[in-house]
C-alpha atoms as a PDB file:
ATOM      1  CA  UNK A   1      15.039 -12.771 -11.674  1.00  0.00           C
ATOM      2  CA  UNK A   2      15.093 -10.027  -9.086  1.00  0.00           C
ATOM      3  CA  UNK A   3      16.754  -9.772  -5.709  1.00  0.00           C
ATOM      4  CA  UNK A   4      15.006  -7.874  -2.932  1.00  0.00           C
ATOM      5  CA  UNK A   5      15.735  -6.509   0.487  1.00  0.00           C
ATOM      6  CA  UNK A   6      13.417  -5.484   3.309  1.00  0.00           C
ATOM      7  CA  UNK A   7      12.960  -1.908   2.073  1.00  0.00           C
ATOM      8  CA  UNK A   8      11.508  -3.240  -1.189  1.00  0.00           C
ATOM      9  CA  UNK A   9       9.510  -6.090   0.359  1.00  0.00           C
ATOM     10  CA  UNK A  10       7.811  -3.804   2.888  1.00  0.00           C
ATOM     11  CA  UNK A  11       6.705  -1.507   0.079  1.00  0.00           C
ATOM     12  CA  UNK A  12       4.941  -4.478  -1.516  1.00  0.00           C
ATOM     13  CA  UNK A  13       2.606  -4.778   1.471  1.00  0.00           C
ATOM     14  CA  UNK A  14       2.487  -1.264   2.985  1.00  0.00           C
ATOM     15  CA  UNK A  15       1.409   1.639   0.809  1.00  0.00           C
ATOM     16  CA  UNK A  16       4.099   4.301   1.057  1.00  0.00           C
ATOM     17  CA  UNK A  17       6.431   6.310  -1.182  1.00  0.00           C
ATOM     18  CA  UNK A  18       7.618   4.260  -4.147  1.00  0.00           C
ATOM     19  CA  UNK A  19       5.296   1.327  -3.459  1.00  0.00           C
ATOM     20  CA  UNK A  20       3.985   1.541  -7.016  1.00  0.00           C
ATOM     21  CA  UNK A  21       7.519   1.292  -8.420  1.00  0.00           C
ATOM     22  CA  UNK A  22       8.358  -1.763  -6.334  1.00  0.00           C
ATOM     23  CA  UNK A  23       5.103  -3.453  -7.328  1.00  0.00           C
ATOM     24  CA  UNK A  24       5.914  -2.646 -10.957  1.00  0.00           C
ATOM     25  CA  UNK A  25       8.976  -4.882 -10.495  1.00  0.00           C
ATOM     26  CA  UNK A  26       7.122  -7.591  -8.590  1.00  0.00           C
ATOM     27  CA  UNK A  27       4.085  -8.233 -10.795  1.00  0.00           C
ATOM     28  CA  UNK A  28       5.875  -8.796 -14.143  1.00  0.00           C
ATOM     29  CA  UNK A  29       8.413 -11.016 -12.419  1.00  0.00           C
ATOM     30  CA  UNK A  30       5.699 -13.235 -10.950  1.00  0.00           C
ATOM     31  CA  UNK A  31       3.707 -13.280 -14.192  1.00  0.00           C
ATOM     32  CA  UNK A  32       6.842 -14.371 -16.067  1.00  0.00           C
ATOM     33  CA  UNK A  33       7.371 -17.115 -13.482  1.00  0.00           C
ATOM     34  CA  UNK A  34      10.814 -15.677 -12.725  1.00  0.00           C
ATOM     35  CA  UNK A  35      12.331 -16.289  -9.291  1.00  0.00           C
ATOM     36  CA  UNK A  36      12.545 -13.623  -6.618  1.00  0.00           C
ATOM     37  CA  UNK A  37      15.620 -14.067  -4.455  1.00  0.00           C
ATOM     38  CA  UNK A  38      16.292 -12.610  -1.041  1.00  0.00           C
ATOM     39  CA  UNK A  39      18.750 -13.142   1.798  1.00  0.00           C
ATOM     40  CA  UNK A  40      17.636 -15.588   4.501  1.00  0.00           C
ATOM     41  CA  UNK A  41      17.030 -12.854   7.069  1.00  0.00           C
ATOM     42  CA  UNK A  42      14.380 -11.104   4.954  1.00  0.00           C
ATOM     43  CA  UNK A  43      11.350 -12.530   6.829  1.00  0.00           C
ATOM     44  CA  UNK A  44      12.892 -11.465  10.153  1.00  0.00           C
ATOM     45  CA  UNK A  45      13.660  -7.984   8.814  1.00  0.00           C
ATOM     46  CA  UNK A  46      10.146  -7.491   7.441  1.00  0.00           C
ATOM     47  CA  UNK A  47       8.619  -8.742  10.688  1.00  0.00           C
ATOM     48  CA  UNK A  48      10.771  -6.279  12.622  1.00  0.00           C
ATOM     49  CA  UNK A  49       9.729  -3.351  10.400  1.00  0.00           C
ATOM     50  CA  UNK A  50       6.050  -4.223  10.798  1.00  0.00           C
ATOM     51  CA  UNK A  51       6.237  -4.564  14.564  1.00  0.00           C
ATOM     52  CA  UNK A  52       8.185  -1.299  14.851  1.00  0.00           C
ATOM     53  CA  UNK A  53       5.315   0.354  13.006  1.00  0.00           C
ATOM     54  CA  UNK A  54       2.828  -1.328  15.335  1.00  0.00           C
ATOM     55  CA  UNK A  55       4.509   0.415  18.254  1.00  0.00           C
ATOM     56  CA  UNK A  56       4.348   3.860  16.620  1.00  0.00           C
ATOM     57  CA  UNK A  57       1.562   6.217  17.634  1.00  0.00           C
ATOM     58  CA  UNK A  58      -0.222   6.227  14.272  1.00  0.00           C
ATOM     59  CA  UNK A  59       0.774   2.723  13.284  1.00  0.00           C
ATOM     60  CA  UNK A  60      -1.369  -0.194  12.236  1.00  0.00           C
ATOM     61  CA  UNK A  61      -3.234  -2.376  14.721  1.00  0.00           C
ATOM     62  CA  UNK A  62      -1.965  -5.788  15.803  1.00  0.00           C
ATOM     63  CA  UNK A  63      -4.530  -7.448  13.500  1.00  0.00           C
ATOM     64  CA  UNK A  64      -3.428  -5.269  10.576  1.00  0.00           C
ATOM     65  CA  UNK A  65       0.220  -6.160  11.195  1.00  0.00           C
ATOM     66  CA  UNK A  66      -0.667  -9.857  11.363  1.00  0.00           C
ATOM     67  CA  UNK A  67      -2.520  -9.568   8.026  1.00  0.00           C
ATOM     68  CA  UNK A  68       0.383  -7.687   6.409  1.00  0.00           C
ATOM     69  CA  UNK A  69       2.856 -10.281   7.653  1.00  0.00           C
ATOM     70  CA  UNK A  70       0.693 -13.112   6.321  1.00  0.00           C
ATOM     71  CA  UNK A  71       0.516 -11.332   2.962  1.00  0.00           C
ATOM     72  CA  UNK A  72       4.312 -11.000   2.865  1.00  0.00           C
ATOM     73  CA  UNK A  73       4.884 -14.632   3.862  1.00  0.00           C
ATOM     74  CA  UNK A  74       2.673 -15.738   0.945  1.00  0.00           C
ATOM     75  CA  UNK A  75       4.977 -14.102  -1.628  1.00  0.00           C
ATOM     76  CA  UNK A  76       6.946 -16.594  -3.737  1.00  0.00           C
ATOM     77  CA  UNK A  77      10.393 -15.607  -2.517  1.00  0.00           C
ATOM     78  CA  UNK A  78      13.396 -17.922  -2.643  1.00  0.00           C
ATOM     79  CA  UNK A  79      15.614 -17.346   0.376  1.00  0.00           C
ATOM     80  CA  UNK A  80      19.183 -17.738  -0.773  1.00  0.00           C
ATOM     81  CA  UNK A  81      22.471 -17.556   1.082  1.00  0.00           C
ATOM     82  CA  UNK A  82      25.214 -17.466  -1.564  1.00  0.00           C
ATOM     83  CA  UNK A  83      28.845 -17.832  -0.568  1.00  0.00           C
ATOM     84  CA  UNK A  84      30.303 -14.440   0.269  1.00  0.00           C
ATOM     85  CA  UNK A  85      26.929 -12.815   0.962  1.00  0.00           C
ATOM     86  CA  UNK A  86      28.080 -11.256   4.229  1.00  0.00           C
ATOM     87  CA  UNK A  87      31.465 -10.112   2.992  1.00  0.00           C
END
């Protein structure tokens, strides 16, 4: 089981510093059929990061962002809101 936040999840779909390390966590977890947990706002946070990059001068195109978002949404992530999460 691993828990992820948006900084890790974005690195799974956008090649940048430490992407290889985050994927090294992801692939064995999926192959072992272990759950990946994340807070319920993760899809919103990842969408926000991608669209912020779309607006940057050297950012991806709208089609590229849509493809990256679709790739992220296909990941087997369990959104979980445990008691006390926001404390």
